[in-house]
Amino acid sequence: MLAVLALALGGATACGGQGTDTNCSIDGCTVTFQRTGNSEISVLGIKARLIGVDGGVARLEVAGQTVTVPVGGEAAADGFTVRVEEVTDAAVVVRISR
């Protein structure tokens, strides 16, 4: 029974990509994009990538839509909420949820 539940949860929150660190739960994923190189992730059945950062504002492509989000702000992209939680010199932390 636990194996079936783990498999079901794993399938629902599966994610992976390059230049990223990911922590997923049932309701969404927190993704840490590295600011150098190509940072792209497949998560929640969509692709997301960091395009760039200008000051405290991140530009991301999520589910084929480009959004510009300041730290602490959020935007909608194809039914998903994209929230930028932190921007540092090395990384951008983003929460993507349904």
Protein backbone atom coordinates (compact mmCIF):
# COMPACT_ATOMS: atom_id res chain seq x y z
CA MET A 1 0.00 0.00 0.00
CA LEU A 2 2.77 2.47 0.88
CA ALA A 3 4.61 1.61 -2.32
CA VAL A 4 1.50 2.39 -4.37
CA LEU A 5 1.02 5.70 -2.56
CA ALA A 6 4.68 6.63 -3.03
CA LEU A 7 4.47 5.78 -6.72
CA ALA A 8 1.27 7.81 -7.13
CA LEU A 9 2.74 10.84 -5.36
CA GLY A 10 5.99 10.52 -7.25
CA GLY A 11 4.15 10.50 -10.56
CA ALA A 12 2.07 13.52 -9.62
CA THR A 13 5.04 15.61 -8.55
CA ALA A 14 7.77 14.29 -10.82
CA CYS A 15 10.19 16.93 -11.95
CA GLY A 16 13.66 17.34 -13.26
CA GLY A 17 15.93 19.61 -15.21
CA GLN A 18 19.37 21.04 -15.64
CA GLY A 19 20.74 24.03 -13.76
CA THR A 20 17.99 23.66 -11.17
CA ASP A 21 17.21 22.30 -7.72
CA THR A 22 13.61 21.24 -7.14
CA ASN A 23 11.37 20.46 -4.17
CA CYS A 24 7.87 19.28 -5.15
CA SER A 25 4.71 18.59 -3.19
CA ILE A 26 1.16 17.80 -4.25
CA ASP A 27 0.19 21.46 -4.71
CA GLY A 28 3.32 22.76 -6.45
CA CYS A 29 7.07 22.92 -6.76
CA THR A 30 9.76 25.25 -5.48
CA VAL A 31 12.51 25.56 -8.07
CA THR A 32 15.93 27.11 -7.56
CA PHE A 33 17.25 28.23 -10.95
CA GLN A 34 20.99 28.84 -11.22
CA ARG A 35 21.64 32.25 -12.82
CA THR A 36 24.49 30.96 -14.97
CA GLY A 37 24.08 28.59 -17.89
CA ASN A 38 20.85 27.11 -19.21
CA SER A 39 18.33 26.71 -16.38
CA GLU A 40 15.29 24.72 -17.51
CA ILE A 41 12.95 22.34 -15.69
CA SER A 42 10.05 20.01 -16.44
CA VAL A 43 7.63 20.15 -13.53
CA LEU A 44 3.89 19.58 -13.04
CA GLY A 45 3.59 18.57 -16.69
CA ILE A 46 5.04 21.83 -18.03
CA LYS A 47 8.43 23.32 -18.85
CA ALA A 48 9.82 26.35 -17.08
CA ARG A 49 13.04 28.24 -17.65
CA LEU A 50 14.78 31.30 -16.34
CA ILE A 51 15.29 33.82 -19.14
CA GLY A 52 17.04 36.49 -17.09
CA VAL A 53 17.04 38.84 -14.12
CA ASP A 54 17.08 42.63 -14.03
CA GLY A 55 17.51 43.95 -10.51
CA GLY A 56 14.98 42.11 -8.36
CA VAL A 57 12.76 41.19 -11.30
CA ALA A 58 12.91 37.73 -12.89
CA ARG A 59 11.83 36.98 -16.44
CA LEU A 60 10.67 33.37 -16.88
CA GLU A 61 9.05 31.21 -19.50
CA VAL A 62 6.41 28.96 -17.94
CA ALA A 63 4.15 26.66 -19.99
CA GLY A 64 5.15 28.55 -23.14
CA GLN A 65 4.26 31.98 -21.70
CA THR A 66 6.75 34.66 -20.72
CA VAL A 67 6.14 36.33 -17.36
CA THR A 68 8.03 39.09 -15.55
CA VAL A 69 7.80 38.80 -11.77
CA PRO A 70 9.42 40.91 -9.01
CA VAL A 71 10.65 39.32 -5.78
CA GLY A 72 7.61 38.67 -3.60
CA GLY A 73 5.27 39.05 -6.56
CA GLU A 74 3.39 36.54 -8.64
CA ALA A 75 1.97 36.12 -12.13
CA ALA A 76 -0.33 33.70 -13.93
CA ALA A 77 0.83 31.49 -16.81
CA ASP A 78 -1.51 28.97 -18.45
CA GLY A 79 -3.41 28.18 -15.23
CA PHE A 80 -0.29 28.13 -13.02
CA THR A 81 0.76 30.68 -10.41
CA VAL A 82 4.41 31.72 -10.62
CA ARG A 83 5.83 33.38 -7.49
CA VAL A 84 9.40 34.65 -7.19
CA GLU A 85 10.49 34.07 -3.61
CA GLU A 86 14.16 35.12 -3.76
CA VAL A 87 16.78 36.51 -6.14
CA THR A 88 20.49 36.29 -5.27
CA ASP A 89 23.68 36.74 -7.29
CA ALA A 90 23.77 32.97 -7.87
CA ALA A 91 20.14 31.81 -8.01
CA VAL A 92 16.44 32.60 -8.39
CA VAL A 93 13.93 30.74 -6.19
CA VAL A 94 10.50 30.33 -7.79
CA ARG A 95 7.29 28.62 -6.59
CA ILE A 96 5.11 27.16 -9.35
CA SER A 97 1.66 25.95 -8.32
CA ARG A 98 -1.73 25.13 -9.82
